[in-house]
Amino acid sequence: PRPDEIDADFTIFGSTVWQWNPLAVIIDETSSVQSANRIHPELERLLRQAPDGVDLIQSTHRLVDTQRLTRSLATDMFFFQSTLRADLAVVEAEVSAKVAERIRSLPVYQCLHYWIDVGGVSRYSIWSESEVWYVGIAGIAA
């Protein structure tokens, strides 16, 4: 959809999504329905009230562009290298300084998977074998 249609389209989508379970909802470039200071009401509803069988997957280029509710309710995050102070400051404040430093120094085509484990324990691992998981837009592996 065009940028001026996204709010209306997401409202329609959000009001109908509740009829499916299980379901994976993928929002590519989530900044179209949220920012640091606003969140689409239907996205907020999904984040707060989606049943266990509904998974919400959001992609963004910059963590700083997501609303705090999104970050606080996330169970898993995947990070690629970032050297932007604002993004690293969010990671440091809401995840950890160690994870922020690891993200800053990640090589190209590597990512850091951060998750909350059983008992609320924070964990992360580096995915360094990009040939296993990376496929470029043209369908060519790294």
N, C-alpha and C. Protein backbone atom coordinates (compact mmCIF):
# COMPACT_ATOMS: atom_id res chain seq x y z
N PRO A 1 0.82 -1.21 0.00
CA PRO A 1 0.00 0.00 0.00
C PRO A 1 0.85 1.26 0.00
N ARG A 2 0.25 2.32 -0.44
CA ARG A 2 0.92 3.62 -0.39
C ARG A 2 0.99 4.08 1.07
N PRO A 3 1.99 4.91 1.39
CA PRO A 3 2.12 5.38 2.78
C PRO A 3 0.85 5.99 3.36
N ASP A 4 0.09 6.70 2.53
CA ASP A 4 -1.13 7.34 3.05
C ASP A 4 -2.27 6.34 3.25
N GLU A 5 -2.10 5.09 2.79
CA GLU A 5 -3.13 4.06 2.96
C GLU A 5 -2.82 3.08 4.08
N ILE A 6 -1.60 3.12 4.61
CA ILE A 6 -1.16 2.10 5.55
C ILE A 6 -2.00 2.08 6.82
N ASP A 7 -2.28 3.23 7.42
CA ASP A 7 -3.05 3.24 8.66
C ASP A 7 -4.43 2.61 8.47
N ALA A 8 -5.11 2.99 7.43
CA ALA A 8 -6.45 2.44 7.18
C ALA A 8 -6.38 0.95 6.89
N ASP A 9 -5.43 0.54 6.06
CA ASP A 9 -5.29 -0.88 5.73
C ASP A 9 -4.93 -1.71 6.95
N PHE A 10 -4.05 -1.19 7.81
CA PHE A 10 -3.66 -1.95 8.99
C PHE A 10 -4.83 -2.03 9.99
N THR A 11 -5.66 -1.02 10.02
CA THR A 11 -6.85 -1.07 10.87
C THR A 11 -7.78 -2.19 10.42
N ILE A 12 -7.99 -2.29 9.12
CA ILE A 12 -8.84 -3.37 8.58
C ILE A 12 -8.20 -4.73 8.88
N PHE A 13 -6.92 -4.85 8.60
CA PHE A 13 -6.21 -6.10 8.86
C PHE A 13 -6.30 -6.47 10.34
N GLY A 14 -6.01 -5.52 11.21
CA GLY A 14 -6.01 -5.78 12.64
C GLY A 14 -7.36 -6.20 13.17
N SER A 15 -8.43 -5.72 12.56
CA SER A 15 -9.76 -6.09 13.05
C SER A 15 -10.19 -7.47 12.56
N THR A 16 -9.53 -8.02 11.55
CA THR A 16 -9.92 -9.33 11.02
C THR A 16 -8.97 -10.45 11.41
N VAL A 17 -7.77 -10.13 11.87
CA VAL A 17 -6.74 -11.13 12.14
C VAL A 17 -7.11 -12.09 13.27
N TRP A 18 -8.02 -11.70 14.12
CA TRP A 18 -8.36 -12.48 15.30
C TRP A 18 -9.09 -13.78 14.98
N GLN A 19 -9.55 -13.93 13.76
CA GLN A 19 -10.28 -15.16 13.41
C GLN A 19 -9.35 -16.34 13.10
N TRP A 20 -8.03 -16.10 13.01
CA TRP A 20 -7.09 -17.18 12.69
C TRP A 20 -6.19 -17.49 13.87
N ASN A 21 -6.02 -18.77 14.13
CA ASN A 21 -5.09 -19.23 15.17
C ASN A 21 -4.86 -20.71 14.92
N PRO A 22 -3.66 -21.15 14.64
CA PRO A 22 -2.40 -20.42 14.70
C PRO A 22 -2.20 -19.49 13.50
N LEU A 23 -1.33 -18.52 13.71
CA LEU A 23 -1.06 -17.52 12.68
C LEU A 23 0.28 -16.86 12.96
N ALA A 24 1.04 -16.59 11.91
CA ALA A 24 2.24 -15.78 12.01
C ALA A 24 1.99 -14.49 11.24
N VAL A 25 2.07 -13.37 11.92
CA VAL A 25 1.90 -12.06 11.30
C VAL A 25 3.29 -11.48 11.10
N ILE A 26 3.61 -11.15 9.86
CA ILE A 26 4.93 -10.58 9.54
C ILE A 26 4.74 -9.15 9.08
N ILE A 27 5.36 -8.23 9.79
CA ILE A 27 5.30 -6.82 9.43
C ILE A 27 6.69 -6.43 8.95
N ASP A 28 6.84 -6.28 7.65
CA ASP A 28 8.12 -5.89 7.07
C ASP A 28 8.22 -4.38 7.13
N GLU A 29 9.25 -3.91 7.77
CA GLU A 29 9.50 -2.50 8.06
C GLU A 29 8.38 -1.94 8.92
N THR A 30 8.46 -2.31 10.16
CA THR A 30 7.43 -1.97 11.14
C THR A 30 7.31 -0.48 11.42
N SER A 31 8.26 0.31 10.97
CA SER A 31 8.15 1.76 11.18
C SER A 31 6.96 2.35 10.44
N SER A 32 6.34 1.58 9.55
CA SER A 32 5.15 2.08 8.86
C SER A 32 3.93 2.10 9.79
N VAL A 33 3.99 1.36 10.92
CA VAL A 33 2.86 1.34 11.85
C VAL A 33 3.26 1.72 13.28
N GLN A 34 4.50 2.17 13.44
CA GLN A 34 4.94 2.63 14.76
C GLN A 34 6.18 3.51 14.61
N SER A 35 6.44 4.26 15.66
CA SER A 35 7.67 5.03 15.78
C SER A 35 8.01 5.05 17.27
N ALA A 36 9.05 5.74 17.61
CA ALA A 36 9.42 5.82 19.03
C ALA A 36 8.30 6.46 19.85
N ASN A 37 7.50 7.31 19.23
CA ASN A 37 6.49 8.07 19.97
C ASN A 37 5.04 7.70 19.66
N ARG A 38 4.82 6.76 18.76
CA ARG A 38 3.45 6.38 18.44
C ARG A 38 3.41 4.91 18.06
N ILE A 39 2.23 4.32 18.23
CA ILE A 39 2.02 2.94 17.82
C ILE A 39 0.60 2.83 17.30
N HIS A 40 0.43 2.13 16.18
CA HIS A 40 -0.90 1.94 15.63
C HIS A 40 -1.73 1.17 16.65
N PRO A 41 -2.96 1.57 16.90
CA PRO A 41 -3.79 0.89 17.91
C PRO A 41 -3.94 -0.61 17.68
N GLU A 42 -4.02 -1.04 16.43
CA GLU A 42 -4.16 -2.47 16.15
C GLU A 42 -2.86 -3.23 16.42
N LEU A 43 -1.71 -2.60 16.20
CA LEU A 43 -0.45 -3.23 16.55
C LEU A 43 -0.34 -3.35 18.07
N GLU A 44 -0.72 -2.30 18.77
CA GLU A 44 -0.71 -2.36 20.23
C GLU A 44 -1.61 -3.49 20.73
N ARG A 45 -2.77 -3.63 20.14
CA ARG A 45 -3.70 -4.69 20.53
C ARG A 45 -3.09 -6.06 20.27
N LEU A 46 -2.47 -6.24 19.11
CA LEU A 46 -1.80 -7.52 18.81
C LEU A 46 -0.70 -7.82 19.82
N LEU A 47 0.12 -6.82 20.12
CA LEU A 47 1.21 -7.02 21.06
C LEU A 47 0.70 -7.41 22.45
N ARG A 48 -0.35 -6.76 22.89
CA ARG A 48 -0.84 -6.98 24.25
C ARG A 48 -1.77 -8.18 24.39
N GLN A 49 -2.55 -8.49 23.33
CA GLN A 49 -3.64 -9.43 23.52
C GLN A 49 -3.63 -10.65 22.61
N ALA A 50 -2.68 -10.77 21.71
CA ALA A 50 -2.70 -11.91 20.80
C ALA A 50 -2.60 -13.22 21.58
N PRO A 51 -3.38 -14.22 21.21
CA PRO A 51 -3.30 -15.51 21.90
C PRO A 51 -1.98 -16.21 21.62
N ASP A 52 -1.68 -17.22 22.41
CA ASP A 52 -0.41 -17.93 22.30
C ASP A 52 -0.12 -18.46 20.90
N GLY A 53 -1.11 -18.81 20.13
CA GLY A 53 -0.89 -19.35 18.79
C GLY A 53 -0.60 -18.33 17.72
N VAL A 54 -0.58 -17.06 18.09
CA VAL A 54 -0.32 -15.98 17.12
C VAL A 54 1.07 -15.42 17.39
N ASP A 55 1.93 -15.52 16.40
CA ASP A 55 3.29 -14.98 16.50
C ASP A 55 3.37 -13.71 15.67
N LEU A 56 4.00 -12.71 16.23
CA LEU A 56 4.17 -11.42 15.56
C LEU A 56 5.65 -11.22 15.27
N ILE A 57 5.99 -11.12 14.00
CA ILE A 57 7.38 -10.94 13.57
C ILE A 57 7.47 -9.56 12.91
N GLN A 58 8.37 -8.73 13.42
CA GLN A 58 8.52 -7.38 12.90
C GLN A 58 9.96 -7.17 12.45
N SER A 59 10.14 -6.52 11.32
CA SER A 59 11.49 -6.15 10.90
C SER A 59 11.60 -4.63 10.91
N THR A 60 12.80 -4.17 11.22
CA THR A 60 13.07 -2.74 11.21
C THR A 60 14.54 -2.52 10.94
N HIS A 61 14.87 -1.43 10.32
CA HIS A 61 16.28 -1.11 10.11
C HIS A 61 16.91 -0.52 11.36
N ARG A 62 16.10 0.13 12.19
CA ARG A 62 16.65 0.82 13.36
C ARG A 62 15.76 0.57 14.57
N LEU A 63 16.34 0.00 15.61
CA LEU A 63 15.61 -0.28 16.83
C LEU A 63 15.07 0.99 17.47
N VAL A 64 15.79 2.08 17.33
CA VAL A 64 15.36 3.35 17.91
C VAL A 64 14.03 3.82 17.32
N ASP A 65 13.67 3.32 16.15
CA ASP A 65 12.41 3.70 15.50
C ASP A 65 11.22 2.88 15.96
N THR A 66 11.42 1.96 16.89
CA THR A 66 10.30 1.16 17.39
C THR A 66 9.78 1.75 18.69
N GLN A 67 8.52 1.50 18.95
CA GLN A 67 7.89 1.98 20.18
C GLN A 67 8.32 1.08 21.33
N ARG A 68 8.46 1.63 22.49
CA ARG A 68 8.99 0.90 23.64
C ARG A 68 8.18 -0.36 23.96
N LEU A 69 6.88 -0.34 23.76
CA LEU A 69 6.05 -1.52 24.00
C LEU A 69 6.52 -2.69 23.15
N THR A 70 6.85 -2.44 21.90
CA THR A 70 7.36 -3.49 21.01
C THR A 70 8.61 -4.11 21.60
N ARG A 71 9.53 -3.28 22.04
CA ARG A 71 10.80 -3.79 22.58
C ARG A 71 10.59 -4.52 23.90
N SER A 72 9.69 -4.03 24.73
CA SER A 72 9.51 -4.65 26.05
C SER A 72 8.80 -5.99 25.99
N LEU A 73 8.00 -6.23 24.97
CA LEU A 73 7.28 -7.49 24.87
C LEU A 73 7.93 -8.49 23.92
N ALA A 74 9.02 -8.10 23.29
CA ALA A 74 9.70 -9.01 22.37
C ALA A 74 10.36 -10.16 23.14
N THR A 75 10.22 -11.36 22.61
CA THR A 75 10.89 -12.52 23.22
C THR A 75 12.19 -12.84 22.51
N ASP A 76 12.30 -12.45 21.27
CA ASP A 76 13.51 -12.69 20.47
C ASP A 76 13.79 -11.44 19.64
N MET A 77 15.07 -11.13 19.47
CA MET A 77 15.50 -10.04 18.60
C MET A 77 16.72 -10.51 17.83
N PHE A 78 16.80 -10.10 16.58
CA PHE A 78 17.96 -10.40 15.73
C PHE A 78 18.57 -9.08 15.31
N PHE A 79 19.86 -8.93 15.54
CA PHE A 79 20.56 -7.69 15.24
C PHE A 79 21.67 -7.92 14.23
N PHE A 80 21.79 -7.00 13.30
CA PHE A 80 22.96 -6.95 12.42
C PHE A 80 23.83 -5.80 12.91
N GLN A 81 25.00 -5.67 12.33
CA GLN A 81 25.92 -4.64 12.78
C GLN A 81 25.27 -3.26 12.75
N SER A 82 25.51 -2.50 13.78
CA SER A 82 25.09 -1.11 13.84
C SER A 82 26.17 -0.33 14.57
N THR A 83 26.49 0.82 14.03
CA THR A 83 27.45 1.69 14.70
C THR A 83 26.81 3.02 15.09
N LEU A 84 25.52 3.15 14.89
CA LEU A 84 24.82 4.39 15.21
C LEU A 84 24.60 4.49 16.72
N ARG A 85 25.07 5.58 17.29
CA ARG A 85 25.01 5.75 18.75
C ARG A 85 23.60 5.64 19.30
N ALA A 86 22.62 6.22 18.61
CA ALA A 86 21.25 6.20 19.12
C ALA A 86 20.72 4.76 19.21
N ASP A 87 20.98 3.96 18.19
CA ASP A 87 20.53 2.56 18.21
C ASP A 87 21.25 1.76 19.29
N LEU A 88 22.55 1.94 19.38
CA LEU A 88 23.33 1.21 20.38
C LEU A 88 22.94 1.63 21.79
N ALA A 89 22.56 2.89 21.97
CA ALA A 89 22.13 3.35 23.30
C ALA A 89 20.84 2.66 23.72
N VAL A 90 19.92 2.45 22.77
CA VAL A 90 18.68 1.73 23.08
C VAL A 90 19.00 0.29 23.46
N VAL A 91 19.88 -0.36 22.69
CA VAL A 91 20.26 -1.74 23.01
C VAL A 91 20.92 -1.79 24.39
N GLU A 92 21.82 -0.88 24.65
CA GLU A 92 22.51 -0.88 25.94
C GLU A 92 21.53 -0.68 27.10
N ALA A 93 20.59 0.23 26.94
CA ALA A 93 19.64 0.54 28.00
C ALA A 93 18.61 -0.58 28.21
N GLU A 94 18.20 -1.22 27.13
CA GLU A 94 17.09 -2.16 27.25
C GLU A 94 17.49 -3.63 27.11
N VAL A 95 18.71 -3.89 26.69
CA VAL A 95 19.20 -5.27 26.59
C VAL A 95 20.43 -5.39 27.49
N SER A 96 21.59 -4.94 27.00
CA SER A 96 22.79 -4.90 27.84
C SER A 96 23.92 -4.21 27.09
N ALA A 97 24.88 -3.70 27.85
CA ALA A 97 26.05 -3.07 27.25
C ALA A 97 26.87 -4.09 26.46
N LYS A 98 26.95 -5.31 26.95
CA LYS A 98 27.71 -6.37 26.27
C LYS A 98 27.12 -6.68 24.90
N VAL A 99 25.80 -6.78 24.83
CA VAL A 99 25.14 -7.04 23.55
C VAL A 99 25.34 -5.85 22.61
N ALA A 100 25.22 -4.64 23.12
CA ALA A 100 25.43 -3.45 22.28
C ALA A 100 26.84 -3.45 21.69
N GLU A 101 27.83 -3.81 22.48
CA GLU A 101 29.21 -3.85 21.99
C GLU A 101 29.38 -4.94 20.94
N ARG A 102 28.77 -6.09 21.16
CA ARG A 102 28.87 -7.17 20.17
C ARG A 102 28.22 -6.78 18.85
N ILE A 103 27.09 -6.08 18.92
CA ILE A 103 26.42 -5.61 17.70
C ILE A 103 27.29 -4.61 16.96
N ARG A 104 27.93 -3.72 17.70
CA ARG A 104 28.79 -2.72 17.07
C ARG A 104 29.91 -3.36 16.28
N SER A 105 30.39 -4.50 16.73
CA SER A 105 31.56 -5.11 16.09
C SER A 105 31.24 -6.33 15.22
N LEU A 106 29.97 -6.59 14.95
CA LEU A 106 29.62 -7.74 14.10
C LEU A 106 30.16 -7.56 12.69
N PRO A 107 30.73 -8.61 12.12
CA PRO A 107 31.11 -8.55 10.70
C PRO A 107 29.87 -8.57 9.80
N VAL A 108 30.04 -8.22 8.56
CA VAL A 108 28.96 -8.26 7.59
C VAL A 108 28.44 -9.69 7.47
N TYR A 109 27.15 -9.84 7.24
CA TYR A 109 26.47 -11.14 7.10
C TYR A 109 26.57 -12.01 8.35
N GLN A 110 26.71 -11.39 9.49
CA GLN A 110 26.58 -12.10 10.75
C GLN A 110 25.50 -11.39 11.55
N CYS A 111 24.83 -12.12 12.41
CA CYS A 111 23.82 -11.49 13.24
C CYS A 111 23.89 -12.04 14.65
N LEU A 112 23.32 -11.29 15.55
CA LEU A 112 23.25 -11.68 16.95
C LEU A 112 21.79 -11.97 17.26
N HIS A 113 21.52 -13.16 17.75
CA HIS A 113 20.17 -13.54 18.18
C HIS A 113 20.12 -13.38 19.70
N TYR A 114 19.23 -12.53 20.15
CA TYR A 114 19.03 -12.29 21.57
C TYR A 114 17.64 -12.81 21.93
N TRP A 115 17.53 -13.51 23.06
CA TRP A 115 16.22 -14.01 23.48
C TRP A 115 16.14 -14.08 25.00
N ILE A 116 14.90 -14.16 25.46
CA ILE A 116 14.63 -14.35 26.88
C ILE A 116 14.33 -15.83 27.06
N ASP A 117 15.14 -16.51 27.84
CA ASP A 117 15.02 -17.94 28.05
C ASP A 117 14.10 -18.23 29.24
N VAL A 118 13.91 -19.51 29.50
CA VAL A 118 13.10 -19.96 30.62
C VAL A 118 13.57 -19.28 31.91
N GLY A 119 12.64 -18.84 32.70
CA GLY A 119 12.97 -18.17 33.95
C GLY A 119 13.38 -16.72 33.78
N GLY A 120 13.21 -16.16 32.57
CA GLY A 120 13.54 -14.77 32.34
C GLY A 120 15.01 -14.49 32.15
N VAL A 121 15.80 -15.54 31.87
CA VAL A 121 17.24 -15.37 31.69
C VAL A 121 17.53 -14.86 30.28
N SER A 122 18.29 -13.78 30.19
CA SER A 122 18.67 -13.21 28.89
C SER A 122 19.83 -14.01 28.30
N ARG A 123 19.73 -14.32 27.01
CA ARG A 123 20.79 -15.05 26.33
C ARG A 123 20.99 -14.48 24.93
N TYR A 124 22.16 -14.76 24.37
CA TYR A 124 22.37 -14.40 22.97
C TYR A 124 23.38 -15.36 22.36
N SER A 125 23.32 -15.44 21.04
CA SER A 125 24.32 -16.21 20.29
C SER A 125 24.59 -15.47 18.98
N ILE A 126 25.79 -15.66 18.48
CA ILE A 126 26.18 -15.04 17.21
C ILE A 126 25.98 -16.07 16.10
N TRP A 127 25.28 -15.67 15.07
CA TRP A 127 25.11 -16.53 13.89
C TRP A 127 26.20 -16.12 12.89
N SER A 128 27.24 -16.89 12.82
CA SER A 128 28.40 -16.51 12.00
C SER A 128 28.48 -17.26 10.67
N GLU A 129 27.69 -18.30 10.50
CA GLU A 129 27.74 -19.08 9.26
C GLU A 129 26.63 -18.61 8.32
N SER A 130 26.89 -17.48 7.67
CA SER A 130 25.85 -16.88 6.85
C SER A 130 25.42 -17.76 5.69
N GLU A 131 26.28 -18.65 5.24
CA GLU A 131 25.89 -19.54 4.14
C GLU A 131 24.75 -20.47 4.54
N VAL A 132 24.52 -20.64 5.83
CA VAL A 132 23.44 -21.49 6.32
C VAL A 132 22.10 -20.76 6.29
N TRP A 133 22.09 -19.45 6.56
CA TRP A 133 20.82 -18.75 6.71
C TRP A 133 20.61 -17.57 5.78
N TYR A 134 21.65 -17.02 5.17
CA TYR A 134 21.49 -15.80 4.37
C TYR A 134 21.21 -16.11 2.90
N VAL A 135 20.16 -15.53 2.37
CA VAL A 135 19.90 -15.55 0.93
C VAL A 135 19.57 -14.13 0.54
N GLY A 136 20.32 -13.60 -0.41
CA GLY A 136 20.11 -12.22 -0.84
C GLY A 136 18.81 -12.07 -1.63
N ILE A 137 18.47 -10.86 -1.92
CA ILE A 137 17.23 -10.55 -2.63
C ILE A 137 17.19 -11.25 -3.99
N ALA A 138 18.34 -11.38 -4.63
CA ALA A 138 18.38 -12.03 -5.94
C ALA A 138 18.43 -13.55 -5.83
N GLY A 139 18.31 -14.08 -4.59
CA GLY A 139 18.33 -15.52 -4.40
C GLY A 139 19.73 -16.11 -4.35
N ILE A 140 20.72 -15.26 -4.19
CA ILE A 140 22.12 -15.70 -4.17
C ILE A 140 22.62 -15.71 -2.74
N ALA A 141 23.20 -16.83 -2.32
CA ALA A 141 23.71 -16.94 -0.96
C ALA A 141 24.95 -16.06 -0.79
N ALA A 142 25.25 -15.74 0.47
CA ALA A 142 26.41 -14.91 0.76
C ALA A 142 27.70 -15.63 0.45
